[in-house]
Amino acid sequence: QVQLVESGGGLAQVGGSLRLSCQVSGGPFSRYGMGWFRQAPGKEREFVSAISFTGDSTYYTESVEGRFTISRDNDKNTVFLQMNSLKPEDTAVYYCAARAIRTSRWAQDYGYWGQGTQVTVSS
């Protein structure tokens, strides 16, 4: 059974940084495309970033381009999201997701999800 566990969320100041981690167990992590999504209160879940199973290709939504960096360590079965220059609008529950081989910007394409980690950015 594939399990994804996020960590690293919390409270940050505007302009601050947080690093999210998502550890995957029970499946061939090195063969998964990985994505990060977020959901703010009263809003739909939205795509944040994705990385190919090799780590060679990365994708970002426009609002985080240049501020967030996705990476992965296939030896540790972990994907990371480094978030810098945080803004209040980054406040949301952040979810990692996995799908076999390919990446996608669409939540419905991912078959495995973590439980989410709260990120709150305050001014």
Protein backbone atom coordinates (compact mmCIF):
# COMPACT_ATOMS: atom_id res chain seq x y z
CA GLN A 1 0.00 0.00 0.00
CA VAL A 2 1.45 3.31 -1.10
CA GLN A 3 1.62 5.93 1.63
CA LEU A 4 2.66 9.57 1.41
CA VAL A 5 3.49 11.55 4.52
CA GLU A 6 4.06 15.31 4.36
CA SER A 7 5.96 17.31 6.94
CA GLY A 8 7.53 20.71 7.35
CA GLY A 9 4.49 22.92 7.39
CA GLY A 10 3.92 25.58 10.01
CA LEU A 11 3.78 29.29 10.59
CA ALA A 12 6.02 31.66 8.67
CA GLN A 13 6.34 35.40 8.36
CA VAL A 14 5.83 37.22 5.10
CA GLY A 15 9.07 36.93 3.18
CA GLY A 16 10.13 33.90 5.15
CA SER A 17 10.82 30.34 4.09
CA LEU A 18 9.59 26.84 4.74
CA ARG A 19 10.67 23.48 3.35
CA LEU A 20 8.07 20.80 2.89
CA SER A 21 8.96 17.13 2.65
CA CYS A 22 6.92 14.19 1.45
CA GLN A 23 8.15 10.69 2.11
CA VAL A 24 6.71 7.86 0.07
CA SER A 25 6.57 4.23 1.12
CA GLY A 26 5.05 1.04 -0.26
CA GLY A 27 5.70 1.77 -3.91
CA PRO A 28 8.45 2.34 -6.49
CA PHE A 29 9.16 6.00 -5.70
CA SER A 30 11.76 6.30 -8.45
CA ARG A 31 9.01 5.51 -10.98
CA TYR A 32 6.54 8.11 -9.73
CA GLY A 33 5.94 11.56 -11.08
CA MET A 34 5.36 13.73 -8.03
CA GLY A 35 3.22 16.80 -7.54
CA TRP A 36 2.46 19.38 -4.90
CA PHE A 37 -1.00 20.88 -4.63
CA ARG A 38 -2.57 23.27 -2.15
CA GLN A 39 -6.03 24.13 -0.95
CA ALA A 40 -6.96 27.32 0.83
CA PRO A 41 -10.19 27.64 2.85
CA GLY A 42 -13.19 28.00 0.57
CA LYS A 43 -11.13 27.37 -2.57
CA GLU A 44 -10.53 24.44 -4.85
CA ARG A 45 -7.34 22.43 -4.72
CA GLU A 46 -4.79 23.93 -7.07
CA PHE A 47 -1.58 22.79 -8.69
CA VAL A 48 1.65 24.18 -7.26
CA SER A 49 4.52 22.20 -8.71
CA ALA A 50 5.51 18.85 -10.18
CA ILE A 51 8.68 16.91 -10.91
CA SER A 52 9.33 14.04 -13.27
CA PHE A 53 10.32 10.64 -11.95
CA THR A 54 13.92 11.26 -13.03
CA GLY A 55 13.96 14.73 -11.53
CA ASP A 56 15.05 16.19 -14.86
CA SER A 57 11.85 18.14 -15.47
CA THR A 58 10.08 20.50 -13.10
CA TYR A 59 6.89 22.51 -13.45
CA TYR A 60 5.41 25.40 -11.48
CA THR A 61 2.26 27.41 -11.39
CA GLU A 62 2.92 31.00 -12.34
CA SER A 63 2.26 32.43 -8.89
CA VAL A 64 5.13 30.50 -7.28
CA GLU A 65 7.60 30.57 -10.18
CA GLY A 66 10.94 31.90 -8.94
CA ARG A 67 9.99 31.52 -5.27
CA PHE A 68 9.41 27.78 -4.87
CA THR A 69 11.72 24.94 -5.85
CA ILE A 70 10.73 21.30 -6.14
CA SER A 71 13.31 18.55 -5.87
CA ARG A 72 13.51 14.87 -5.08
CA ASP A 73 15.88 12.36 -3.54
CA ASN A 74 15.16 8.95 -4.99
CA ASP A 75 17.49 7.27 -2.51
CA LYS A 76 15.38 8.62 0.37
CA ASN A 77 12.00 8.23 -1.37
CA THR A 78 11.33 11.88 -0.63
CA VAL A 79 10.18 14.91 -2.58
CA PHE A 80 10.76 18.44 -1.30
CA LEU A 81 9.21 21.83 -1.85
CA GLN A 82 11.43 24.74 -0.83
CA MET A 83 9.26 27.81 -0.40
CA ASN A 84 10.94 31.21 -0.22
CA SER A 85 9.62 34.77 -0.18
CA LEU A 86 6.35 33.52 1.25
CA LYS A 87 3.22 35.61 0.85
CA PRO A 88 -0.07 35.56 2.76
CA GLU A 89 -1.75 34.08 -0.33
CA ASP A 90 0.47 31.01 0.03
CA THR A 91 -1.50 30.08 3.14
CA ALA A 92 -3.13 26.70 2.51
CA VAL A 93 -2.99 23.01 3.24
CA TYR A 94 -0.28 21.56 1.02
CA TYR A 95 -0.61 18.05 -0.36
CA CYS A 96 1.86 15.86 -2.17
CA ALA A 97 0.67 13.38 -4.75
CA ALA A 98 2.12 10.56 -6.82
CA ARG A 99 1.30 8.96 -10.15
CA ALA A 100 3.05 6.31 -12.17
CA ILE A 101 5.76 7.68 -14.48
CA ARG A 102 4.11 10.85 -15.79
CA THR A 103 3.52 14.21 -14.15
CA SER A 104 0.43 16.34 -14.50
CA ARG A 105 -1.02 19.66 -13.41
CA TRP A 106 -4.39 18.00 -12.81
CA ALA A 107 -5.24 16.59 -9.41
CA GLN A 108 -7.47 13.88 -10.89
CA ASP A 109 -4.47 12.34 -12.64
CA TYR A 110 -2.79 11.43 -9.35
CA GLY A 111 -3.70 8.19 -7.65
CA TYR A 112 -1.90 8.61 -4.34
CA TRP A 113 -2.17 11.48 -1.89
CA GLY A 114 -0.77 12.50 1.45
CA GLN A 115 -2.82 13.81 4.32
CA GLY A 116 -1.66 17.39 3.89
CA THR A 117 0.35 19.84 5.95
CA GLN A 118 -0.78 23.32 6.95
CA VAL A 119 1.23 26.33 5.85
CA THR A 120 0.26 29.68 7.34
CA VAL A 121 1.95 32.90 6.30
CA SER A 122 1.28 35.86 8.53
CA SER A 123 2.17 39.50 8.30
